[in-house]
């Protein structure tokens, strides 16, 4: 599932949210594929996109990482690094299909 409709959108609003989530996932997938030799935390990914003036909320990045992992596109590694809020964060790598 690309978009989790927790705020009960419907009609055109729901369609817009689904399309936006799909686009975010595709961009993150392409980024991870282009950088397949490296692992990234959700905040790492957020900062890389900010470098290109693309702002994705951290929750959207985490959703995309979960969905892409469930689709066997990304691999959630056991390697963890201290994140922005001082707690350990997993890293993800491109796993290909």
C-alpha atoms as a PDB file:
ATOM      1  CA  UNK A   1       0.000   0.000   0.000  1.00  0.00           C
ATOM      2  CA  UNK A   2       1.474   3.295  -1.069  1.00  0.00           C
ATOM      3  CA  UNK A   3      -0.660   5.651   0.998  1.00  0.00           C
ATOM      4  CA  UNK A   4      -2.127   4.926   4.421  1.00  0.00           C
ATOM      5  CA  UNK A   5      -5.397   6.834   4.573  1.00  0.00           C
ATOM      6  CA  UNK A   6      -5.340   7.505   8.313  1.00  0.00           C
ATOM      7  CA  UNK A   7      -6.987  10.908   7.902  1.00  0.00           C
ATOM      8  CA  UNK A   8      -9.944   9.434   5.955  1.00  0.00           C
ATOM      9  CA  UNK A   9      -9.519  11.390   2.733  1.00  0.00           C
ATOM     10  CA  UNK A  10     -11.872  10.656  -0.137  1.00  0.00           C
ATOM     11  CA  UNK A  11     -12.399  11.538  -3.767  1.00  0.00           C
ATOM     12  CA  UNK A  12      -9.943  13.897  -5.429  1.00  0.00           C
ATOM     13  CA  UNK A  13      -8.067  14.559  -2.156  1.00  0.00           C
ATOM     14  CA  UNK A  14      -7.397  10.851  -1.701  1.00  0.00           C
ATOM     15  CA  UNK A  15      -6.324  10.466  -5.332  1.00  0.00           C
ATOM     16  CA  UNK A  16      -3.899  13.402  -4.955  1.00  0.00           C
ATOM     17  CA  UNK A  17      -2.420  11.958  -1.755  1.00  0.00           C
ATOM     18  CA  UNK A  18      -1.955   8.525  -3.343  1.00  0.00           C
ATOM     19  CA  UNK A  19      -0.224  10.008  -6.396  1.00  0.00           C
ATOM     20  CA  UNK A  20       2.047  12.142  -4.208  1.00  0.00           C
ATOM     21  CA  UNK A  21       3.022   9.112  -2.112  1.00  0.00           C
ATOM     22  CA  UNK A  22       3.758   7.072  -5.255  1.00  0.00           C
ATOM     23  CA  UNK A  23       5.952   9.857  -6.588  1.00  0.00           C
ATOM     24  CA  UNK A  24       7.865  10.111  -3.314  1.00  0.00           C
ATOM     25  CA  UNK A  25       8.441   6.357  -3.267  1.00  0.00           C
ATOM     26  CA  UNK A  26       9.680   6.337  -6.840  1.00  0.00           C
ATOM     27  CA  UNK A  27      12.094   9.208  -6.183  1.00  0.00           C
ATOM     28  CA  UNK A  28      13.452   7.491  -3.072  1.00  0.00           C
ATOM     29  CA  UNK A  29      13.791   4.209  -4.966  1.00  0.00           C
ATOM     30  CA  UNK A  30      15.753   5.929  -7.748  1.00  0.00           C
ATOM     31  CA  UNK A  31      17.955   7.732  -5.221  1.00  0.00           C
ATOM     32  CA  UNK A  32      18.721   4.492  -3.381  1.00  0.00           C
ATOM     33  CA  UNK A  33      19.450   2.680  -6.647  1.00  0.00           C
ATOM     34  CA  UNK A  34      21.827   5.444  -7.774  1.00  0.00           C
ATOM     35  CA  UNK A  35      23.631   5.181  -4.420  1.00  0.00           C
ATOM     36  CA  UNK A  36      23.399   1.419  -4.016  1.00  0.00           C
ATOM     37  CA  UNK A  37      26.848   1.048  -2.456  1.00  0.00           C
ATOM     38  CA  UNK A  38      25.807   3.100   0.589  1.00  0.00           C
ATOM     39  CA  UNK A  39      23.356   2.798   3.462  1.00  0.00           C
ATOM     40  CA  UNK A  40      21.134   5.667   4.550  1.00  0.00           C
ATOM     41  CA  UNK A  41      18.970   6.526   7.545  1.00  0.00           C
ATOM     42  CA  UNK A  42      15.644   8.255   6.951  1.00  0.00           C
ATOM     43  CA  UNK A  43      17.185  11.593   7.963  1.00  0.00           C
ATOM     44  CA  UNK A  44      20.138  11.031   5.617  1.00  0.00           C
ATOM     45  CA  UNK A  45      17.664  10.670   2.769  1.00  0.00           C
ATOM     46  CA  UNK A  46      15.723  13.734   3.868  1.00  0.00           C
ATOM     47  CA  UNK A  47      18.893  15.862   3.868  1.00  0.00           C
ATOM     48  CA  UNK A  48      19.968  14.589   0.443  1.00  0.00           C
ATOM     49  CA  UNK A  49      16.615  15.636  -1.031  1.00  0.00           C
ATOM     50  CA  UNK A  50      16.764  19.010   0.718  1.00  0.00           C
ATOM     51  CA  UNK A  51      20.052  19.562  -1.153  1.00  0.00           C
ATOM     52  CA  UNK A  52      17.907  19.490  -4.324  1.00  0.00           C
ATOM     53  CA  UNK A  53      15.188  21.737  -2.823  1.00  0.00           C
ATOM     54  CA  UNK A  54      12.830  18.788  -2.393  1.00  0.00           C
ATOM     55  CA  UNK A  55      11.140  18.702   0.989  1.00  0.00           C
ATOM     56  CA  UNK A  56       9.694  15.369   2.115  1.00  0.00           C
ATOM     57  CA  UNK A  57       8.409  15.028   5.669  1.00  0.00           C
ATOM     58  CA  UNK A  58      10.354  12.439   7.660  1.00  0.00           C
ATOM     59  CA  UNK A  59       7.156  10.438   8.155  1.00  0.00           C
ATOM     60  CA  UNK A  60       6.735  10.216   4.365  1.00  0.00           C
ATOM     61  CA  UNK A  61      10.300   8.990   3.989  1.00  0.00           C
ATOM     62  CA  UNK A  62       9.780   6.364   6.680  1.00  0.00           C
ATOM     63  CA  UNK A  63       6.544   5.251   4.975  1.00  0.00           C
ATOM     64  CA  UNK A  64       8.336   4.960   1.643  1.00  0.00           C
ATOM     65  CA  UNK A  65      11.208   2.993   3.199  1.00  0.00           C
ATOM     66  CA  UNK A  66       8.749   0.581   4.808  1.00  0.00           C
ATOM     67  CA  UNK A  67       6.813   0.083   1.584  1.00  0.00           C
ATOM     68  CA  UNK A  68       9.946  -0.337  -0.544  1.00  0.00           C
ATOM     69  CA  UNK A  69      11.319  -2.831   1.974  1.00  0.00           C
ATOM     70  CA  UNK A  70       8.046  -4.785   1.932  1.00  0.00           C
ATOM     71  CA  UNK A  71       8.277  -4.822  -1.881  1.00  0.00           C
ATOM     72  CA  UNK A  72      11.841  -6.260  -1.675  1.00  0.00           C
ATOM     73  CA  UNK A  73      13.339  -3.195  -3.346  1.00  0.00           C
ATOM     74  CA  UNK A  74      15.246  -1.995  -0.283  1.00  0.00           C
ATOM     75  CA  UNK A  75      16.938  -3.895   2.500  1.00  0.00           C
ATOM     76  CA  UNK A  76      16.740  -2.719   6.094  1.00  0.00           C
ATOM     77  CA  UNK A  77      20.170  -3.461   7.519  1.00  0.00           C
ATOM     78  CA  UNK A  78      21.143  -4.315  11.059  1.00  0.00           C
ATOM     79  CA  UNK A  79      23.629  -1.438  10.981  1.00  0.00           C
ATOM     80  CA  UNK A  80      22.434   1.434  13.126  1.00  0.00           C
ATOM     81  CA  UNK A  81      23.751   4.959  13.584  1.00  0.00           C
ATOM     82  CA  UNK A  82      22.782   7.636  16.049  1.00  0.00           C
ATOM     83  CA  UNK A  83      20.127   9.798  14.459  1.00  0.00           C
ATOM     84  CA  UNK A  84      18.995  13.391  14.774  1.00  0.00           C
ATOM     85  CA  UNK A  85      17.169  12.808  18.042  1.00  0.00           C
ATOM     86  CA  UNK A  86      20.019  10.942  19.722  1.00  0.00           C
ATOM     87  CA  UNK A  87      18.607   7.452  19.292  1.00  0.00           C
ATOM     88  CA  UNK A  88      19.826   4.627  17.043  1.00  0.00           C
ATOM     89  CA  UNK A  89      18.398   4.516  13.511  1.00  0.00           C
ATOM     90  CA  UNK A  90      18.553   1.633  11.069  1.00  0.00           C
ATOM     91  CA  UNK A  91      20.104   2.141   7.677  1.00  0.00           C
ATOM     92  CA  UNK A  92      18.627   0.972   4.381  1.00  0.00           C
ATOM     93  CA  UNK A  93      20.327  -0.109   1.176  1.00  0.00           C
ATOM     94  CA  UNK A  94      19.112  -0.766  -2.312  1.00  0.00           C
ATOM     95  CA  UNK A  95      18.416  -4.446  -2.803  1.00  0.00           C
ATOM     96  CA  UNK A  96      17.058  -4.536  -6.334  1.00  0.00           C
ATOM     97  CA  UNK A  97      14.296  -6.815  -7.457  1.00  0.00           C
END
